[in-house]
Amino acid sequence: MKGKYLALCLVLAGTETSKGLAQSATFTLDHNLFRPPVDTQVTTTFSSSYGGTAKLVIYNSAGEVIKTLFNGSISAGATQTLTWNGKNLSGGEVASGVYIFWLKLDLGIQTKSLVVVR
């Protein structure tokens, strides 16, 4: 029961955005449940009307970095589309659990959560 409560808290935390960021940036996941081998990848997109720098990192529920999907500059209004195949930095498959997609833009931070079920 304790693990289910933790997952619920992380999902709710994923709805937070910095002030002003909601109007100037978009950040989406194509779904929030990933079931390998039925699903082969998860697609995420983001854009900012102001451009600047961006970093998109996936963390596990222990706060460890699983993978950095993007770290660089973005143009104003341009959309970045990225995919994640459910693998970590060393190429191994991640375990079942809740994963946080953490997007940091010059204007603030947005998070989305994804549940992996194996």
N, C-alpha and C. Protein backbone atom coordinates (compact mmCIF):
# COMPACT_ATOMS: atom_id res chain seq x y z
N MET A 1 0.82 -1.20 0.00
CA MET A 1 0.00 0.00 0.00
C MET A 1 0.86 1.25 0.00
N LYS A 2 1.96 1.23 0.68
CA LYS A 2 2.82 2.39 0.77
C LYS A 2 3.33 2.82 -0.61
N GLY A 3 3.70 1.86 -1.47
CA GLY A 3 4.17 2.16 -2.81
C GLY A 3 3.11 2.80 -3.68
N LYS A 4 1.86 2.37 -3.53
CA LYS A 4 0.77 2.96 -4.31
C LYS A 4 0.56 4.41 -3.92
N TYR A 5 0.66 4.72 -2.64
CA TYR A 5 0.49 6.09 -2.18
C TYR A 5 1.60 6.99 -2.74
N LEU A 6 2.83 6.48 -2.75
CA LEU A 6 3.96 7.23 -3.29
C LEU A 6 3.74 7.55 -4.75
N ALA A 7 3.28 6.57 -5.54
CA ALA A 7 3.03 6.78 -6.96
C ALA A 7 1.96 7.85 -7.16
N LEU A 8 0.92 7.83 -6.37
CA LEU A 8 -0.15 8.82 -6.47
C LEU A 8 0.39 10.22 -6.19
N CYS A 9 1.22 10.37 -5.17
CA CYS A 9 1.80 11.67 -4.84
C CYS A 9 2.66 12.20 -5.99
N LEU A 10 3.43 11.33 -6.62
CA LEU A 10 4.28 11.76 -7.72
C LEU A 10 3.46 12.18 -8.92
N VAL A 11 2.38 11.47 -9.20
CA VAL A 11 1.52 11.84 -10.33
C VAL A 11 0.90 13.21 -10.08
N LEU A 12 0.43 13.45 -8.87
CA LEU A 12 -0.16 14.75 -8.56
C LEU A 12 0.89 15.86 -8.62
N ALA A 13 2.11 15.57 -8.22
CA ALA A 13 3.17 16.58 -8.28
C ALA A 13 3.48 16.98 -9.71
N GLY A 14 3.17 16.12 -10.66
CA GLY A 14 3.45 16.40 -12.07
C GLY A 14 2.57 17.46 -12.68
N THR A 15 1.62 17.99 -11.94
CA THR A 15 0.74 19.01 -12.49
C THR A 15 1.24 20.42 -12.20
N GLU A 16 2.33 20.55 -11.47
CA GLU A 16 2.85 21.87 -11.10
C GLU A 16 3.56 22.55 -12.26
N THR A 17 3.41 23.85 -12.38
CA THR A 17 4.15 24.64 -13.35
C THR A 17 4.58 25.95 -12.69
N SER A 18 5.63 26.53 -13.19
CA SER A 18 6.08 27.82 -12.69
C SER A 18 5.15 28.91 -13.20
N LYS A 19 5.09 30.03 -12.51
CA LYS A 19 4.25 31.15 -12.92
C LYS A 19 4.66 31.63 -14.30
N GLY A 20 3.69 31.84 -15.16
CA GLY A 20 3.97 32.36 -16.50
C GLY A 20 4.37 31.30 -17.50
N LEU A 21 4.82 30.15 -17.03
CA LEU A 21 5.29 29.13 -17.96
C LEU A 21 4.14 28.48 -18.71
N ALA A 22 3.01 28.32 -18.07
CA ALA A 22 1.87 27.67 -18.71
C ALA A 22 1.41 28.42 -19.95
N GLN A 23 1.51 29.73 -19.97
CA GLN A 23 1.07 30.51 -21.12
C GLN A 23 2.11 30.57 -22.23
N SER A 24 3.37 30.32 -21.93
CA SER A 24 4.42 30.51 -22.91
C SER A 24 5.09 29.23 -23.38
N ALA A 25 4.67 28.07 -22.84
CA ALA A 25 5.30 26.82 -23.22
C ALA A 25 4.28 25.69 -23.23
N THR A 26 4.52 24.70 -24.07
CA THR A 26 3.70 23.49 -24.07
C THR A 26 4.61 22.30 -23.83
N PHE A 27 4.09 21.30 -23.15
CA PHE A 27 4.86 20.11 -22.80
C PHE A 27 3.87 18.96 -22.70
N THR A 28 4.01 17.95 -23.56
CA THR A 28 3.06 16.84 -23.57
C THR A 28 3.77 15.49 -23.65
N LEU A 29 3.12 14.48 -23.12
CA LEU A 29 3.49 13.08 -23.32
C LEU A 29 2.34 12.46 -24.10
N ASP A 30 2.65 11.55 -25.04
CA ASP A 30 1.56 10.98 -25.83
C ASP A 30 0.66 10.06 -25.00
N HIS A 31 1.14 9.53 -23.90
CA HIS A 31 0.33 8.80 -22.92
C HIS A 31 1.10 8.73 -21.61
N ASN A 32 0.42 8.35 -20.54
CA ASN A 32 1.11 8.30 -19.24
C ASN A 32 1.26 6.89 -18.70
N LEU A 33 1.03 5.88 -19.56
CA LEU A 33 1.24 4.49 -19.20
C LEU A 33 2.06 3.82 -20.29
N PHE A 34 3.16 3.20 -19.92
CA PHE A 34 4.08 2.57 -20.87
C PHE A 34 4.16 1.09 -20.53
N ARG A 35 3.75 0.23 -21.48
CA ARG A 35 3.70 -1.21 -21.25
C ARG A 35 4.53 -1.98 -22.28
N PRO A 36 5.84 -2.08 -22.07
CA PRO A 36 6.62 -2.90 -22.98
C PRO A 36 6.20 -4.37 -22.82
N PRO A 37 6.19 -5.20 -23.81
CA PRO A 37 6.59 -4.94 -25.19
C PRO A 37 5.46 -4.44 -26.08
N VAL A 38 4.24 -4.22 -25.52
CA VAL A 38 3.14 -3.68 -26.32
C VAL A 38 3.50 -2.31 -26.87
N ASP A 39 4.00 -1.44 -26.03
CA ASP A 39 4.45 -0.10 -26.44
C ASP A 39 5.95 -0.17 -26.70
N THR A 40 6.40 0.39 -27.81
CA THR A 40 7.83 0.38 -28.10
C THR A 40 8.52 1.67 -27.70
N GLN A 41 7.74 2.74 -27.55
CA GLN A 41 8.32 4.02 -27.16
C GLN A 41 7.24 4.98 -26.68
N VAL A 42 7.68 6.02 -26.01
CA VAL A 42 6.82 7.11 -25.57
C VAL A 42 7.32 8.37 -26.26
N THR A 43 6.40 9.15 -26.78
CA THR A 43 6.76 10.40 -27.45
C THR A 43 6.40 11.58 -26.56
N THR A 44 7.31 12.52 -26.46
CA THR A 44 7.05 13.75 -25.72
C THR A 44 7.40 14.93 -26.62
N THR A 45 6.65 16.00 -26.50
CA THR A 45 6.91 17.21 -27.27
C THR A 45 6.93 18.41 -26.34
N PHE A 46 7.71 19.40 -26.70
CA PHE A 46 7.69 20.66 -25.96
C PHE A 46 8.08 21.79 -26.88
N SER A 47 7.62 22.97 -26.53
CA SER A 47 7.99 24.18 -27.26
C SER A 47 7.86 25.37 -26.31
N SER A 48 8.52 26.45 -26.68
CA SER A 48 8.45 27.68 -25.90
C SER A 48 8.29 28.84 -26.86
N SER A 49 7.39 29.74 -26.56
CA SER A 49 7.19 30.89 -27.45
C SER A 49 8.35 31.87 -27.37
N TYR A 50 9.24 31.72 -26.37
CA TYR A 50 10.37 32.62 -26.21
C TYR A 50 11.71 32.03 -26.63
N GLY A 51 11.79 30.71 -26.82
CA GLY A 51 13.06 30.09 -27.15
C GLY A 51 14.00 30.10 -25.96
N GLY A 52 15.29 29.89 -26.23
CA GLY A 52 16.29 29.89 -25.15
C GLY A 52 16.89 28.50 -24.97
N THR A 53 17.17 28.16 -23.73
CA THR A 53 17.75 26.84 -23.45
C THR A 53 16.70 25.93 -22.82
N ALA A 54 16.89 24.64 -23.03
CA ALA A 54 15.97 23.65 -22.49
C ALA A 54 16.73 22.40 -22.11
N LYS A 55 16.20 21.72 -21.10
CA LYS A 55 16.76 20.44 -20.68
C LYS A 55 15.61 19.54 -20.28
N LEU A 56 15.56 18.33 -20.86
CA LEU A 56 14.53 17.37 -20.54
C LEU A 56 15.20 16.11 -20.01
N VAL A 57 14.94 15.81 -18.74
CA VAL A 57 15.58 14.68 -18.05
C VAL A 57 14.50 13.77 -17.49
N ILE A 58 14.74 12.46 -17.54
CA ILE A 58 13.84 11.48 -16.94
C ILE A 58 14.48 11.00 -15.63
N TYR A 59 13.69 11.06 -14.56
CA TYR A 59 14.12 10.60 -13.24
C TYR A 59 13.25 9.44 -12.80
N ASN A 60 13.80 8.56 -11.97
CA ASN A 60 12.96 7.53 -11.34
C ASN A 60 12.40 8.08 -10.04
N SER A 61 11.60 7.28 -9.33
CA SER A 61 10.96 7.77 -8.11
C SER A 61 11.94 7.99 -6.96
N ALA A 62 13.17 7.48 -7.10
CA ALA A 62 14.21 7.71 -6.09
C ALA A 62 15.00 8.99 -6.40
N GLY A 63 14.68 9.67 -7.48
CA GLY A 63 15.36 10.90 -7.85
C GLY A 63 16.64 10.70 -8.64
N GLU A 64 16.88 9.48 -9.13
CA GLU A 64 18.08 9.20 -9.91
C GLU A 64 17.83 9.51 -11.38
N VAL A 65 18.82 10.06 -12.06
CA VAL A 65 18.71 10.34 -13.49
C VAL A 65 18.68 9.03 -14.26
N ILE A 66 17.66 8.85 -15.06
CA ILE A 66 17.53 7.67 -15.90
C ILE A 66 18.07 7.97 -17.30
N LYS A 67 17.70 9.12 -17.83
CA LYS A 67 18.15 9.49 -19.18
C LYS A 67 17.92 10.98 -19.40
N THR A 68 18.85 11.61 -20.10
CA THR A 68 18.66 12.99 -20.55
C THR A 68 18.24 12.92 -22.01
N LEU A 69 17.04 13.39 -22.31
CA LEU A 69 16.54 13.33 -23.68
C LEU A 69 16.93 14.55 -24.50
N PHE A 70 17.10 15.70 -23.84
CA PHE A 70 17.45 16.92 -24.56
C PHE A 70 18.20 17.85 -23.63
N ASN A 71 19.22 18.50 -24.16
CA ASN A 71 19.96 19.51 -23.41
C ASN A 71 20.59 20.46 -24.43
N GLY A 72 19.94 21.58 -24.68
CA GLY A 72 20.46 22.50 -25.68
C GLY A 72 19.56 23.70 -25.88
N SER A 73 19.76 24.36 -27.01
CA SER A 73 19.01 25.57 -27.35
C SER A 73 17.78 25.23 -28.17
N ILE A 74 16.74 26.04 -27.98
CA ILE A 74 15.53 25.90 -28.80
C ILE A 74 15.17 27.26 -29.37
N SER A 75 14.60 27.24 -30.54
CA SER A 75 14.15 28.47 -31.18
C SER A 75 12.73 28.81 -30.72
N ALA A 76 12.41 30.09 -30.71
CA ALA A 76 11.08 30.52 -30.32
C ALA A 76 10.03 29.89 -31.22
N GLY A 77 9.04 29.24 -30.62
CA GLY A 77 7.95 28.65 -31.37
C GLY A 77 8.24 27.28 -31.98
N ALA A 78 9.49 26.86 -32.02
CA ALA A 78 9.83 25.55 -32.59
C ALA A 78 9.42 24.44 -31.63
N THR A 79 8.91 23.35 -32.18
CA THR A 79 8.51 22.21 -31.37
C THR A 79 9.57 21.12 -31.42
N GLN A 80 9.95 20.62 -30.27
CA GLN A 80 10.89 19.51 -30.16
C GLN A 80 10.07 18.25 -29.90
N THR A 81 10.27 17.23 -30.71
CA THR A 81 9.61 15.94 -30.53
C THR A 81 10.68 14.90 -30.24
N LEU A 82 10.56 14.25 -29.09
CA LEU A 82 11.55 13.28 -28.64
C LEU A 82 10.87 11.97 -28.27
N THR A 83 11.61 10.88 -28.39
CA THR A 83 11.06 9.58 -28.01
C THR A 83 11.96 8.93 -26.96
N TRP A 84 11.33 8.11 -26.13
CA TRP A 84 12.06 7.33 -25.13
C TRP A 84 11.61 5.89 -25.25
N ASN A 85 12.57 4.98 -25.32
CA ASN A 85 12.28 3.57 -25.53
C ASN A 85 12.25 2.75 -24.24
N GLY A 86 12.25 3.40 -23.10
CA GLY A 86 12.19 2.69 -21.83
C GLY A 86 13.53 2.16 -21.35
N LYS A 87 14.61 2.75 -21.86
CA LYS A 87 15.94 2.30 -21.45
C LYS A 87 16.67 3.41 -20.70
N ASN A 88 17.60 2.98 -19.83
CA ASN A 88 18.35 3.94 -19.01
C ASN A 88 19.63 4.38 -19.73
N LEU A 89 20.48 5.11 -19.01
CA LEU A 89 21.73 5.64 -19.58
C LEU A 89 22.65 4.56 -20.13
N SER A 90 22.66 3.39 -19.49
CA SER A 90 23.56 2.33 -19.94
C SER A 90 22.89 1.36 -20.91
N GLY A 91 21.68 1.67 -21.36
CA GLY A 91 21.02 0.86 -22.37
C GLY A 91 20.16 -0.27 -21.83
N GLY A 92 20.08 -0.41 -20.51
CA GLY A 92 19.24 -1.45 -19.91
C GLY A 92 17.80 -1.00 -19.79
N GLU A 93 16.89 -1.96 -19.77
CA GLU A 93 15.48 -1.65 -19.62
C GLU A 93 15.19 -1.23 -18.18
N VAL A 94 14.35 -0.21 -18.03
CA VAL A 94 14.00 0.25 -16.68
C VAL A 94 12.96 -0.68 -16.08
N ALA A 95 12.88 -0.70 -14.77
CA ALA A 95 11.92 -1.53 -14.05
C ALA A 95 10.54 -0.86 -14.04
N SER A 96 9.55 -1.61 -13.65
CA SER A 96 8.21 -1.04 -13.46
C SER A 96 8.30 0.05 -12.40
N GLY A 97 7.53 1.10 -12.57
CA GLY A 97 7.51 2.19 -11.60
C GLY A 97 7.08 3.50 -12.21
N VAL A 98 7.18 4.54 -11.42
CA VAL A 98 6.80 5.89 -11.85
C VAL A 98 8.07 6.64 -12.25
N TYR A 99 8.03 7.28 -13.42
CA TYR A 99 9.16 8.06 -13.93
C TYR A 99 8.70 9.48 -14.20
N ILE A 100 9.55 10.43 -13.84
CA ILE A 100 9.22 11.84 -13.97
C ILE A 100 9.98 12.44 -15.15
N PHE A 101 9.26 13.06 -16.08
CA PHE A 101 9.85 13.80 -17.18
C PHE A 101 9.94 15.25 -16.70
N TRP A 102 11.15 15.75 -16.53
CA TRP A 102 11.42 17.06 -15.94
C TRP A 102 11.95 17.98 -17.03
N LEU A 103 11.17 19.00 -17.37
CA LEU A 103 11.55 19.96 -18.42
C LEU A 103 11.90 21.28 -17.77
N LYS A 104 13.14 21.73 -17.98
CA LYS A 104 13.59 23.02 -17.47
C LYS A 104 13.82 23.94 -18.65
N LEU A 105 13.09 25.04 -18.67
CA LEU A 105 13.24 26.09 -19.66
C LEU A 105 13.75 27.34 -18.95
N ASP A 106 14.16 28.33 -19.71
CA ASP A 106 14.60 29.58 -19.11
C ASP A 106 13.51 30.21 -18.24
N LEU A 107 12.24 29.96 -18.59
CA LEU A 107 11.12 30.56 -17.88
C LEU A 107 10.70 29.79 -16.63
N GLY A 108 11.10 28.54 -16.50
CA GLY A 108 10.68 27.75 -15.36
C GLY A 108 10.76 26.26 -15.64
N ILE A 109 10.06 25.50 -14.82
CA ILE A 109 10.12 24.05 -14.86
C ILE A 109 8.72 23.47 -14.97
N GLN A 110 8.57 22.41 -15.78
CA GLN A 110 7.34 21.64 -15.84
C GLN A 110 7.69 20.18 -15.67
N THR A 111 6.78 19.41 -15.10
CA THR A 111 7.00 17.98 -14.95
C THR A 111 5.78 17.21 -15.43
N LYS A 112 6.03 16.01 -15.93
CA LYS A 112 4.99 15.05 -16.30
C LYS A 112 5.41 13.72 -15.74
N SER A 113 4.46 12.87 -15.42
CA SER A 113 4.81 11.56 -14.89
C SER A 113 4.36 10.47 -15.84
N LEU A 114 5.08 9.36 -15.79
CA LEU A 114 4.80 8.21 -16.65
C LEU A 114 4.94 6.95 -15.80
N VAL A 115 3.96 6.06 -15.90
CA VAL A 115 4.02 4.79 -15.19
C VAL A 115 4.46 3.71 -16.17
N VAL A 116 5.52 2.99 -15.82
CA VAL A 116 5.99 1.87 -16.63
C VAL A 116 5.52 0.59 -15.95
N VAL A 117 4.82 -0.25 -16.72
CA VAL A 117 4.31 -1.52 -16.22
C VAL A 117 4.87 -2.63 -17.07
N ARG A 118 5.68 -3.48 -16.48
CA ARG A 118 6.28 -4.61 -17.20
C ARG A 118 5.58 -5.89 -16.83
